[in-house]
Amino acid sequence: MSDTTRGERFVEIDFYERDLDGARFVDCRFTACDFTEKNLVDVTFEGCALFDCRFHDTTLERVAFTGATLSGCSFAMTTLDGCKMTGSTFADCGWRDTTIVGGQWAMVTMRQQTLDGLDFTGARLSDADLSESSLRRTVFADADLSGATLRGADLRDADLRGARVDGIDLAQARFAQTRMDVDAALAVAAAQGIVIG
């Protein structure tokens, strides 16, 4: 499937038997749709709204959610490999046992999400909003967090080693056993109002 679909509504559709590779959806609405056990390759959801959709045991390769809104969606046991999430908003989504392989997550809004234990190694999260999210044991090694907002986030046991953190907002974030290199530690100190030297 390679055609562009615009402005369509999909309600309670099971996409298991449908070939979606290369498909482009623009300003479409998906409600309670099921993408379970699909292998989606080069699919684009541009400006789409997805509500209560299931991506269980699904592999998404180079899939793009750009400027999309996802609410109540579940990504249980899903792999997101090289995906582009730029400018999308995630609300009340589930991420149990999700595997993330790099990708573009710039300017995403993931406020108050439970992202415990996810691995964003090498991902680009510049200007992302992760405010008040639970990020316990989450790995941001070598990720780009420049300009990101983690205000009030729970970063206990998180790993920020090698992460780019210039301009990051860590006000009221919680730390305990958080791993980071010197540059990240200095950024945390500055965000807490600590003057070093």
N, C-alpha and C. Protein backbone atom coordinates (compact mmCIF):
# COMPACT_ATOMS: atom_id res chain seq x y z
N MET A 1 0.86 -1.19 0.00
CA MET A 1 0.00 0.00 0.00
C MET A 1 0.89 1.23 0.00
N SER A 2 0.71 2.11 -0.97
CA SER A 2 1.57 3.29 -1.03
C SER A 2 0.78 4.57 -1.27
N ASP A 3 -0.51 4.48 -1.42
CA ASP A 3 -1.33 5.66 -1.66
C ASP A 3 -1.50 6.48 -0.38
N THR A 4 -1.84 7.75 -0.57
CA THR A 4 -2.11 8.62 0.56
C THR A 4 -3.60 8.63 0.86
N THR A 5 -3.93 8.41 2.13
CA THR A 5 -5.32 8.44 2.58
C THR A 5 -5.52 9.69 3.42
N ARG A 6 -6.48 10.51 3.07
CA ARG A 6 -6.69 11.78 3.77
C ARG A 6 -8.07 11.86 4.40
N GLY A 7 -8.08 12.32 5.65
CA GLY A 7 -9.33 12.68 6.32
C GLY A 7 -10.29 11.53 6.57
N GLU A 8 -9.85 10.29 6.50
CA GLU A 8 -10.73 9.15 6.72
C GLU A 8 -10.85 8.83 8.21
N ARG A 9 -11.94 8.13 8.55
CA ARG A 9 -12.14 7.67 9.92
C ARG A 9 -12.15 6.16 9.94
N PHE A 10 -11.39 5.59 10.87
CA PHE A 10 -11.31 4.15 11.02
C PHE A 10 -11.73 3.80 12.44
N VAL A 11 -12.77 3.00 12.58
CA VAL A 11 -13.30 2.66 13.90
C VAL A 11 -13.30 1.15 14.08
N GLU A 12 -12.61 0.70 15.13
CA GLU A 12 -12.55 -0.72 15.50
C GLU A 12 -12.13 -1.61 14.33
N ILE A 13 -11.14 -1.16 13.57
CA ILE A 13 -10.63 -1.93 12.45
C ILE A 13 -9.44 -2.78 12.91
N ASP A 14 -9.45 -4.05 12.54
CA ASP A 14 -8.31 -4.93 12.79
C ASP A 14 -7.45 -4.92 11.53
N PHE A 15 -6.24 -4.38 11.65
CA PHE A 15 -5.36 -4.22 10.50
C PHE A 15 -4.43 -5.42 10.28
N TYR A 16 -4.67 -6.52 10.98
CA TYR A 16 -3.75 -7.65 10.93
C TYR A 16 -3.54 -8.16 9.50
N GLU A 17 -4.59 -8.28 8.72
CA GLU A 17 -4.49 -8.85 7.38
C GLU A 17 -4.22 -7.80 6.30
N ARG A 18 -4.12 -6.55 6.66
CA ARG A 18 -3.96 -5.49 5.67
C ARG A 18 -2.49 -5.14 5.45
N ASP A 19 -2.11 -4.95 4.20
CA ASP A 19 -0.75 -4.54 3.86
C ASP A 19 -0.68 -3.02 3.95
N LEU A 20 0.05 -2.54 4.94
CA LEU A 20 0.14 -1.09 5.16
C LEU A 20 1.52 -0.54 4.84
N ASP A 21 2.45 -1.38 4.43
CA ASP A 21 3.82 -0.90 4.19
C ASP A 21 3.83 0.24 3.18
N GLY A 22 4.48 1.33 3.57
CA GLY A 22 4.57 2.50 2.70
C GLY A 22 3.34 3.38 2.70
N ALA A 23 2.33 3.03 3.47
CA ALA A 23 1.08 3.81 3.48
C ALA A 23 1.29 5.16 4.15
N ARG A 24 0.54 6.14 3.67
CA ARG A 24 0.60 7.49 4.25
C ARG A 24 -0.82 7.93 4.60
N PHE A 25 -1.04 8.19 5.90
CA PHE A 25 -2.33 8.66 6.38
C PHE A 25 -2.18 10.12 6.81
N VAL A 26 -3.03 10.99 6.30
CA VAL A 26 -2.97 12.40 6.62
C VAL A 26 -4.29 12.85 7.21
N ASP A 27 -4.23 13.45 8.41
CA ASP A 27 -5.42 13.98 9.09
C ASP A 27 -6.52 12.93 9.22
N CYS A 28 -6.14 11.69 9.46
CA CYS A 28 -7.12 10.62 9.66
C CYS A 28 -7.35 10.40 11.15
N ARG A 29 -8.44 9.72 11.46
CA ARG A 29 -8.79 9.44 12.85
C ARG A 29 -8.97 7.93 13.01
N PHE A 30 -8.25 7.37 13.99
CA PHE A 30 -8.31 5.94 14.27
C PHE A 30 -8.85 5.77 15.70
N THR A 31 -9.95 5.03 15.84
CA THR A 31 -10.53 4.81 17.16
C THR A 31 -10.63 3.32 17.43
N ALA A 32 -10.00 2.88 18.52
CA ALA A 32 -10.05 1.48 18.95
C ALA A 32 -9.63 0.52 17.84
N CYS A 33 -8.64 0.91 17.06
CA CYS A 33 -8.13 0.05 16.00
C CYS A 33 -7.03 -0.86 16.54
N ASP A 34 -6.85 -2.01 15.88
CA ASP A 34 -5.92 -3.03 16.37
C ASP A 34 -4.82 -3.28 15.34
N PHE A 35 -3.57 -3.00 15.77
CA PHE A 35 -2.40 -3.25 14.93
C PHE A 35 -1.55 -4.38 15.53
N THR A 36 -2.17 -5.22 16.34
CA THR A 36 -1.46 -6.29 17.04
C THR A 36 -0.74 -7.23 16.07
N GLU A 37 0.51 -7.55 16.41
CA GLU A 37 1.35 -8.50 15.68
C GLU A 37 1.59 -8.08 14.23
N LYS A 38 1.48 -6.79 13.95
CA LYS A 38 1.80 -6.29 12.61
C LYS A 38 3.27 -5.91 12.53
N ASN A 39 3.83 -5.97 11.35
CA ASN A 39 5.16 -5.44 11.08
C ASN A 39 4.95 -4.26 10.15
N LEU A 40 4.95 -3.05 10.71
CA LEU A 40 4.69 -1.84 9.93
C LEU A 40 6.01 -1.24 9.49
N VAL A 41 6.15 -1.03 8.18
CA VAL A 41 7.39 -0.49 7.62
C VAL A 41 7.09 0.76 6.80
N ASP A 42 7.78 1.85 7.13
CA ASP A 42 7.67 3.10 6.37
C ASP A 42 6.24 3.63 6.28
N VAL A 43 5.46 3.44 7.34
CA VAL A 43 4.10 3.97 7.38
C VAL A 43 4.13 5.35 8.01
N THR A 44 3.33 6.28 7.49
CA THR A 44 3.29 7.65 8.00
C THR A 44 1.90 7.99 8.50
N PHE A 45 1.84 8.52 9.73
CA PHE A 45 0.60 9.05 10.31
C PHE A 45 0.84 10.54 10.53
N GLU A 46 0.44 11.35 9.57
CA GLU A 46 0.72 12.78 9.61
C GLU A 46 -0.51 13.56 10.06
N GLY A 47 -0.39 14.22 11.22
CA GLY A 47 -1.51 15.00 11.73
C GLY A 47 -2.71 14.15 12.11
N CYS A 48 -2.49 12.86 12.34
CA CYS A 48 -3.59 11.94 12.66
C CYS A 48 -3.91 11.94 14.15
N ALA A 49 -5.10 11.46 14.48
CA ALA A 49 -5.50 11.28 15.87
C ALA A 49 -5.80 9.80 16.08
N LEU A 50 -5.16 9.21 17.08
CA LEU A 50 -5.36 7.80 17.37
C LEU A 50 -5.82 7.67 18.82
N PHE A 51 -6.98 7.05 19.00
CA PHE A 51 -7.56 6.90 20.33
C PHE A 51 -7.74 5.41 20.65
N ASP A 52 -7.19 4.99 21.79
CA ASP A 52 -7.38 3.63 22.29
C ASP A 52 -7.00 2.56 21.27
N CYS A 53 -5.95 2.81 20.51
CA CYS A 53 -5.47 1.83 19.53
C CYS A 53 -4.44 0.90 20.18
N ARG A 54 -4.35 -0.33 19.67
CA ARG A 54 -3.47 -1.33 20.24
C ARG A 54 -2.33 -1.66 19.27
N PHE A 55 -1.11 -1.50 19.78
CA PHE A 55 0.09 -1.90 19.06
C PHE A 55 0.79 -2.96 19.92
N HIS A 56 0.17 -4.12 20.06
CA HIS A 56 0.71 -5.17 20.92
C HIS A 56 1.57 -6.13 20.11
N ASP A 57 2.78 -6.39 20.60
CA ASP A 57 3.69 -7.30 19.91
C ASP A 57 3.85 -6.88 18.45
N THR A 58 3.95 -5.58 18.25
CA THR A 58 4.04 -5.00 16.91
C THR A 58 5.45 -4.47 16.68
N THR A 59 5.93 -4.58 15.44
CA THR A 59 7.22 -3.99 15.08
C THR A 59 6.97 -2.81 14.15
N LEU A 60 7.46 -1.63 14.55
CA LEU A 60 7.33 -0.43 13.73
C LEU A 60 8.72 -0.03 13.26
N GLU A 61 8.96 -0.15 11.96
CA GLU A 61 10.25 0.20 11.39
C GLU A 61 10.12 1.47 10.55
N ARG A 62 10.85 2.49 10.98
CA ARG A 62 10.83 3.79 10.28
C ARG A 62 9.40 4.32 10.12
N VAL A 63 8.56 4.03 11.09
CA VAL A 63 7.19 4.56 11.09
C VAL A 63 7.22 5.98 11.61
N ALA A 64 6.42 6.85 11.01
CA ALA A 64 6.40 8.27 11.41
C ALA A 64 5.03 8.65 11.95
N PHE A 65 5.03 9.17 13.18
CA PHE A 65 3.86 9.84 13.75
C PHE A 65 4.28 11.30 13.85
N THR A 66 3.96 12.12 12.88
CA THR A 66 4.39 13.52 12.89
C THR A 66 3.19 14.42 13.13
N GLY A 67 3.30 15.24 14.18
CA GLY A 67 2.19 16.12 14.52
C GLY A 67 0.92 15.37 14.85
N ALA A 68 1.07 14.14 15.34
CA ALA A 68 -0.08 13.29 15.64
C ALA A 68 -0.46 13.38 17.11
N THR A 69 -1.69 12.98 17.42
CA THR A 69 -2.16 12.90 18.80
C THR A 69 -2.52 11.45 19.08
N LEU A 70 -1.91 10.88 20.11
CA LEU A 70 -2.19 9.50 20.49
C LEU A 70 -2.65 9.49 21.94
N SER A 71 -3.86 9.01 22.17
CA SER A 71 -4.44 9.01 23.51
C SER A 71 -4.95 7.62 23.86
N GLY A 72 -4.52 7.11 25.00
CA GLY A 72 -4.99 5.81 25.45
C GLY A 72 -4.49 4.65 24.61
N CYS A 73 -3.45 4.87 23.82
CA CYS A 73 -2.90 3.80 22.98
C CYS A 73 -1.94 2.92 23.78
N SER A 74 -1.86 1.66 23.39
CA SER A 74 -1.00 0.71 24.10
C SER A 74 0.07 0.18 23.16
N PHE A 75 1.34 0.28 23.61
CA PHE A 75 2.48 -0.21 22.85
C PHE A 75 3.14 -1.38 23.57
N ALA A 76 2.37 -2.29 24.12
CA ALA A 76 2.91 -3.40 24.90
C ALA A 76 3.73 -4.34 24.04
N MET A 77 4.94 -4.65 24.50
CA MET A 77 5.84 -5.59 23.82
C MET A 77 6.09 -5.19 22.37
N THR A 78 6.14 -3.90 22.13
CA THR A 78 6.31 -3.36 20.79
C THR A 78 7.74 -2.88 20.58
N THR A 79 8.23 -2.99 19.35
CA THR A 79 9.54 -2.47 18.98
C THR A 79 9.37 -1.29 18.05
N LEU A 80 9.96 -0.15 18.43
CA LEU A 80 9.95 1.05 17.59
C LEU A 80 11.38 1.27 17.12
N ASP A 81 11.64 0.97 15.86
CA ASP A 81 12.99 0.98 15.31
C ASP A 81 13.14 2.13 14.31
N GLY A 82 13.93 3.15 14.72
CA GLY A 82 14.17 4.28 13.82
C GLY A 82 12.93 5.08 13.49
N CYS A 83 12.01 5.16 14.44
CA CYS A 83 10.74 5.85 14.18
C CYS A 83 10.88 7.37 14.36
N LYS A 84 9.98 8.09 13.71
CA LYS A 84 9.97 9.54 13.78
C LYS A 84 8.67 9.98 14.46
N MET A 85 8.80 10.58 15.65
CA MET A 85 7.64 10.98 16.44
C MET A 85 7.53 12.51 16.55
N THR A 86 8.23 13.22 15.72
CA THR A 86 8.38 14.66 15.83
C THR A 86 7.06 15.40 16.00
N GLY A 87 6.98 16.19 17.08
CA GLY A 87 5.83 17.06 17.30
C GLY A 87 4.55 16.37 17.70
N SER A 88 4.62 15.09 18.05
CA SER A 88 3.41 14.36 18.42
C SER A 88 3.15 14.45 19.93
N THR A 89 1.89 14.22 20.30
CA THR A 89 1.48 14.26 21.70
C THR A 89 0.97 12.89 22.12
N PHE A 90 1.51 12.38 23.24
CA PHE A 90 1.08 11.09 23.78
C PHE A 90 0.43 11.33 25.14
N ALA A 91 -0.77 10.82 25.31
CA ALA A 91 -1.49 10.99 26.58
C ALA A 91 -2.05 9.64 27.02
N ASP A 92 -1.79 9.28 28.26
CA ASP A 92 -2.32 8.05 28.85
C ASP A 92 -2.01 6.82 28.00
N CYS A 93 -0.83 6.77 27.41
CA CYS A 93 -0.43 5.61 26.62
C CYS A 93 0.34 4.61 27.48
N GLY A 94 0.26 3.35 27.11
CA GLY A 94 0.97 2.30 27.83
C GLY A 94 2.20 1.86 27.07
N TRP A 95 3.31 1.65 27.80
CA TRP A 95 4.60 1.34 27.18
C TRP A 95 5.24 0.09 27.76
N ARG A 96 4.46 -0.86 28.21
CA ARG A 96 4.99 -2.05 28.89
C ARG A 96 5.87 -2.87 27.94
N ASP A 97 7.10 -3.13 28.39
CA ASP A 97 8.05 -3.96 27.64
C ASP A 97 8.27 -3.47 26.22
N THR A 98 8.28 -2.16 26.04
CA THR A 98 8.52 -1.58 24.72
C THR A 98 10.02 -1.42 24.49
N THR A 99 10.45 -1.73 23.26
CA THR A 99 11.85 -1.57 22.86
C THR A 99 11.95 -0.40 21.89
N ILE A 100 12.83 0.55 22.20
CA ILE A 100 13.01 1.73 21.35
C ILE A 100 14.43 1.70 20.81
N VAL A 101 14.55 1.77 19.49
CA VAL A 101 15.86 1.78 18.85
C VAL A 101 16.05 3.15 18.19
N GLY A 102 16.73 4.05 18.92
CA GLY A 102 17.00 5.39 18.39
C GLY A 102 15.73 6.12 17.98
N GLY A 103 15.83 6.85 16.88
CA GLY A 103 14.66 7.55 16.36
C GLY A 103 14.63 9.02 16.69
N GLN A 104 13.70 9.70 16.05
CA GLN A 104 13.51 11.14 16.21
C GLN A 104 12.28 11.39 17.09
N TRP A 105 12.51 11.88 18.30
CA TRP A 105 11.44 12.17 19.25
C TRP A 105 11.44 13.66 19.60
N ALA A 106 11.98 14.48 18.72
CA ALA A 106 12.07 15.91 18.99
C ALA A 106 10.68 16.52 19.11
N MET A 107 10.55 17.41 20.08
CA MET A 107 9.32 18.20 20.30
C MET A 107 8.10 17.35 20.62
N VAL A 108 8.31 16.10 21.08
CA VAL A 108 7.15 15.31 21.50
C VAL A 108 6.66 15.82 22.85
N THR A 109 5.38 15.62 23.11
CA THR A 109 4.80 15.92 24.42
C THR A 109 4.39 14.60 25.05
N MET A 110 5.04 14.26 26.15
CA MET A 110 4.76 13.02 26.87
C MET A 110 4.63 13.33 28.36
N ARG A 111 3.81 14.27 28.67
CA ARG A 111 3.62 14.69 30.06
C ARG A 111 2.89 13.63 30.86
N GLN A 112 3.36 13.44 32.10
CA GLN A 112 2.72 12.54 33.06
C GLN A 112 2.59 11.11 32.53
N GLN A 113 3.57 10.69 31.73
CA GLN A 113 3.58 9.32 31.22
C GLN A 113 4.41 8.43 32.14
N THR A 114 4.11 7.14 32.15
CA THR A 114 4.93 6.18 32.86
C THR A 114 5.84 5.53 31.83
N LEU A 115 7.12 5.91 31.87
CA LEU A 115 8.10 5.45 30.90
C LEU A 115 9.22 4.67 31.59
N ASP A 116 8.91 4.10 32.73
CA ASP A 116 9.90 3.40 33.54
C ASP A 116 10.58 2.30 32.73
N GLY A 117 11.92 2.30 32.80
CA GLY A 117 12.69 1.21 32.22
C GLY A 117 12.87 1.26 30.71
N LEU A 118 12.32 2.26 30.04
CA LEU A 118 12.51 2.34 28.59
C LEU A 118 13.94 2.76 28.28
N ASP A 119 14.42 2.39 27.10
CA ASP A 119 15.80 2.68 26.71
C ASP A 119 15.80 3.59 25.48
N PHE A 120 16.10 4.87 25.71
CA PHE A 120 16.14 5.86 24.64
C PHE A 120 17.58 6.12 24.18
N THR A 121 18.45 5.14 24.32
CA THR A 121 19.85 5.33 23.95
C THR A 121 19.97 5.86 22.51
N GLY A 122 20.68 6.98 22.37
CA GLY A 122 20.93 7.54 21.06
C GLY A 122 19.75 8.23 20.40
N ALA A 123 18.61 8.29 21.07
CA ALA A 123 17.43 8.92 20.48
C ALA A 123 17.53 10.44 20.55
N ARG A 124 16.87 11.12 19.63
CA ARG A 124 16.84 12.58 19.65
C ARG A 124 15.54 13.03 20.32
N LEU A 125 15.68 13.64 21.50
CA LEU A 125 14.53 14.12 22.28
C LEU A 125 14.64 15.62 22.53
N SER A 126 15.29 16.33 21.62
CA SER A 126 15.45 17.77 21.82
C SER A 126 14.09 18.46 21.88
N ASP A 127 13.96 19.37 22.85
CA ASP A 127 12.74 20.15 23.06
C ASP A 127 11.52 19.28 23.37
N ALA A 128 11.75 18.05 23.83
CA ALA A 128 10.63 17.19 24.24
C ALA A 128 10.11 17.63 25.60
N ASP A 129 8.83 17.39 25.84
CA ASP A 129 8.23 17.73 27.13
C ASP A 129 7.89 16.42 27.86
N LEU A 130 8.70 16.09 28.86
CA LEU A 130 8.50 14.89 29.67
C LEU A 130 8.14 15.27 31.10
N SER A 131 7.54 16.43 31.26
CA SER A 131 7.20 16.94 32.59
C SER A 131 6.38 15.95 33.39
N GLU A 132 6.75 15.81 34.67
CA GLU A 132 6.00 15.02 35.64
C GLU A 132 5.84 13.56 35.23
N SER A 133 6.70 13.10 34.31
CA SER A 133 6.65 11.69 33.91
C SER A 133 7.49 10.84 34.85
N SER A 134 7.14 9.57 34.95
CA SER A 134 7.93 8.63 35.72
C SER A 134 8.98 8.03 34.79
N LEU A 135 10.24 8.32 35.09
CA LEU A 135 11.36 7.90 34.25
C LEU A 135 12.33 7.03 35.06
N ARG A 136 11.80 6.27 35.97
CA ARG A 136 12.65 5.44 36.82
C ARG A 136 13.29 4.33 36.00
N ARG A 137 14.60 4.19 36.13
CA ARG A 137 15.41 3.20 35.41
C ARG A 137 15.41 3.45 33.90
N THR A 138 14.91 4.59 33.46
CA THR A 138 14.91 4.91 32.03
C THR A 138 16.32 5.29 31.59
N VAL A 139 16.72 4.82 30.41
CA VAL A 139 18.07 5.05 29.90
C VAL A 139 18.03 6.12 28.80
N PHE A 140 18.82 7.17 29.01
CA PHE A 140 18.97 8.24 28.02
C PHE A 140 20.44 8.34 27.58
N ALA A 141 21.16 7.25 27.62
CA ALA A 141 22.59 7.28 27.29
C ALA A 141 22.79 7.79 25.86
N ASP A 142 23.66 8.78 25.73
CA ASP A 142 24.00 9.36 24.43
C ASP A 142 22.79 9.92 23.68
N ALA A 143 21.72 10.19 24.38
CA ALA A 143 20.53 10.79 23.76
C ALA A 143 20.68 12.31 23.71
N ASP A 144 19.95 12.94 22.81
CA ASP A 144 19.93 14.40 22.72
C ASP A 144 18.72 14.91 23.48
N LEU A 145 18.95 15.43 24.68
CA LEU A 145 17.88 15.99 25.51
C LEU A 145 17.97 17.51 25.56
N SER A 146 18.68 18.11 24.62
CA SER A 146 18.86 19.56 24.66
C SER A 146 17.52 20.27 24.56
N GLY A 147 17.31 21.21 25.47
CA GLY A 147 16.08 21.98 25.49
C GLY A 147 14.86 21.23 25.99
N ALA A 148 15.05 20.00 26.44
CA ALA A 148 13.91 19.21 26.91
C ALA A 148 13.42 19.69 28.27
N THR A 149 12.15 19.47 28.54
CA THR A 149 11.55 19.82 29.82
C THR A 149 11.27 18.54 30.60
N LEU A 150 11.98 18.39 31.73
CA LEU A 150 11.76 17.26 32.62
C LEU A 150 11.33 17.78 34.00
N ARG A 151 10.66 18.88 34.00
CA ARG A 151 10.22 19.51 35.25
C ARG A 151 9.33 18.56 36.05
N GLY A 152 9.74 18.29 37.27
CA GLY A 152 8.94 17.43 38.15
C GLY A 152 9.00 15.95 37.79
N ALA A 153 9.89 15.56 36.87
CA ALA A 153 9.98 14.15 36.48
C ALA A 153 10.69 13.33 37.55
N ASP A 154 10.38 12.05 37.60
CA ASP A 154 11.02 11.13 38.53
C ASP A 154 12.16 10.43 37.79
N LEU A 155 13.39 10.81 38.10
CA LEU A 155 14.57 10.28 37.42
C LEU A 155 15.38 9.35 38.32
N ARG A 156 14.75 8.77 39.30
CA ARG A 156 15.47 7.86 40.18
C ARG A 156 15.92 6.61 39.41
N ASP A 157 17.20 6.29 39.58
CA ASP A 157 17.82 5.14 38.92
C ASP A 157 17.90 5.29 37.40
N ALA A 158 17.67 6.49 36.87
CA ALA A 158 17.78 6.73 35.43
C ALA A 158 19.25 6.84 35.04
N ASP A 159 19.52 6.71 33.74
CA ASP A 159 20.89 6.76 33.22
C ASP A 159 20.96 7.86 32.16
N LEU A 160 21.70 8.94 32.49
CA LEU A 160 21.87 10.06 31.56
C LEU A 160 23.31 10.18 31.09
N ARG A 161 24.08 9.12 31.21
CA ARG A 161 25.49 9.19 30.83
C ARG A 161 25.63 9.43 29.33
N GLY A 162 26.40 10.45 29.01
CA GLY A 162 26.65 10.78 27.61
C GLY A 162 25.54 11.57 26.94
N ALA A 163 24.47 11.88 27.69
CA ALA A 163 23.35 12.61 27.10
C ALA A 163 23.69 14.08 26.92
N ARG A 164 23.16 14.67 25.88
CA ARG A 164 23.30 16.11 25.66
C ARG A 164 22.18 16.79 26.44
N VAL A 165 22.54 17.66 27.38
CA VAL A 165 21.55 18.21 28.30
C VAL A 165 21.56 19.73 28.34
N ASP A 166 22.18 20.40 27.36
CA ASP A 166 22.20 21.86 27.40
C ASP A 166 20.78 22.41 27.25
N GLY A 167 20.46 23.36 28.12
CA GLY A 167 19.14 24.00 28.08
C GLY A 167 18.02 23.15 28.66
N ILE A 168 18.36 22.05 29.31
CA ILE A 168 17.34 21.16 29.86
C ILE A 168 16.71 21.76 31.11
N ASP A 169 15.41 21.55 31.29
CA ASP A 169 14.69 22.06 32.46
C ASP A 169 14.46 20.89 33.41
N LEU A 170 15.20 20.89 34.52
CA LEU A 170 15.11 19.81 35.51
C LEU A 170 14.54 20.29 36.84
N ALA A 171 13.89 21.44 36.82
CA ALA A 171 13.34 21.98 38.06
C ALA A 171 12.39 20.99 38.72
N GLN A 172 12.57 20.79 40.00
CA GLN A 172 11.72 19.93 40.83
C GLN A 172 11.76 18.46 40.41
N ALA A 173 12.72 18.09 39.57
CA ALA A 173 12.88 16.67 39.22
C ALA A 173 13.45 15.92 40.42
N ARG A 174 13.14 14.63 40.51
CA ARG A 174 13.60 13.82 41.64
C ARG A 174 14.75 12.93 41.19
N PHE A 175 15.80 12.88 42.02
CA PHE A 175 16.99 12.10 41.70
C PHE A 175 17.35 11.20 42.88
N ALA A 176 17.76 9.99 42.58
CA ALA A 176 18.36 9.08 43.57
C ALA A 176 18.99 7.95 42.78
N GLN A 177 20.27 7.73 43.01
CA GLN A 177 21.01 6.71 42.27
C GLN A 177 20.94 6.96 40.75
N THR A 178 20.79 8.22 40.37
CA THR A 178 20.75 8.59 38.95
C THR A 178 22.17 8.64 38.40
N ARG A 179 22.40 7.96 37.30
CA ARG A 179 23.74 7.90 36.72
C ARG A 179 23.89 8.99 35.65
N MET A 180 24.97 9.76 35.76
CA MET A 180 25.23 10.81 34.78
C MET A 180 26.71 11.16 34.80
N ASP A 181 27.18 11.76 33.70
CA ASP A 181 28.56 12.19 33.65
C ASP A 181 28.67 13.60 34.24
N VAL A 182 29.86 14.16 34.23
CA VAL A 182 30.09 15.45 34.88
C VAL A 182 29.24 16.56 34.27
N ASP A 183 29.16 16.63 32.93
CA ASP A 183 28.40 17.70 32.29
C ASP A 183 26.93 17.66 32.69
N ALA A 184 26.36 16.46 32.70
CA ALA A 184 24.96 16.34 33.11
C ALA A 184 24.78 16.70 34.58
N ALA A 185 25.74 16.30 35.42
CA ALA A 185 25.66 16.62 36.85
C ALA A 185 25.71 18.12 37.07
N LEU A 186 26.54 18.82 36.30
CA LEU A 186 26.60 20.28 36.41
C LEU A 186 25.30 20.92 35.97
N ALA A 187 24.67 20.37 34.93
CA ALA A 187 23.37 20.89 34.48
C ALA A 187 22.31 20.70 35.55
N VAL A 188 22.33 19.55 36.20
CA VAL A 188 21.38 19.29 37.29
C VAL A 188 21.60 20.28 38.42
N ALA A 189 22.86 20.48 38.77
CA ALA A 189 23.17 21.42 39.85
C ALA A 189 22.67 22.82 39.50
N ALA A 190 22.90 23.25 38.27
CA ALA A 190 22.46 24.59 37.86
C ALA A 190 20.94 24.69 37.91
N ALA A 191 20.25 23.61 37.49
CA ALA A 191 18.78 23.62 37.52
C ALA A 191 18.24 23.68 38.94
N GLN A 192 19.05 23.19 39.90
CA GLN A 192 18.64 23.24 41.29
C GLN A 192 19.08 24.51 42.00
N GLY A 193 19.69 25.42 41.23
CA GLY A 193 20.12 26.69 41.79
C GLY A 193 21.43 26.63 42.53
N ILE A 194 22.20 25.57 42.30
CA ILE A 194 23.48 25.41 42.98
C ILE A 194 24.56 26.11 42.17
N VAL A 195 25.33 26.95 42.83
CA VAL A 195 26.45 27.64 42.18
C VAL A 195 27.73 26.92 42.55
N ILE A 196 28.44 26.42 41.54
CA ILE A 196 29.67 25.67 41.80
C ILE A 196 30.87 26.54 41.55
N GLY A 197 31.83 26.56 42.49
CA GLY A 197 33.03 27.35 42.34
C GLY A 197 33.06 28.57 43.22
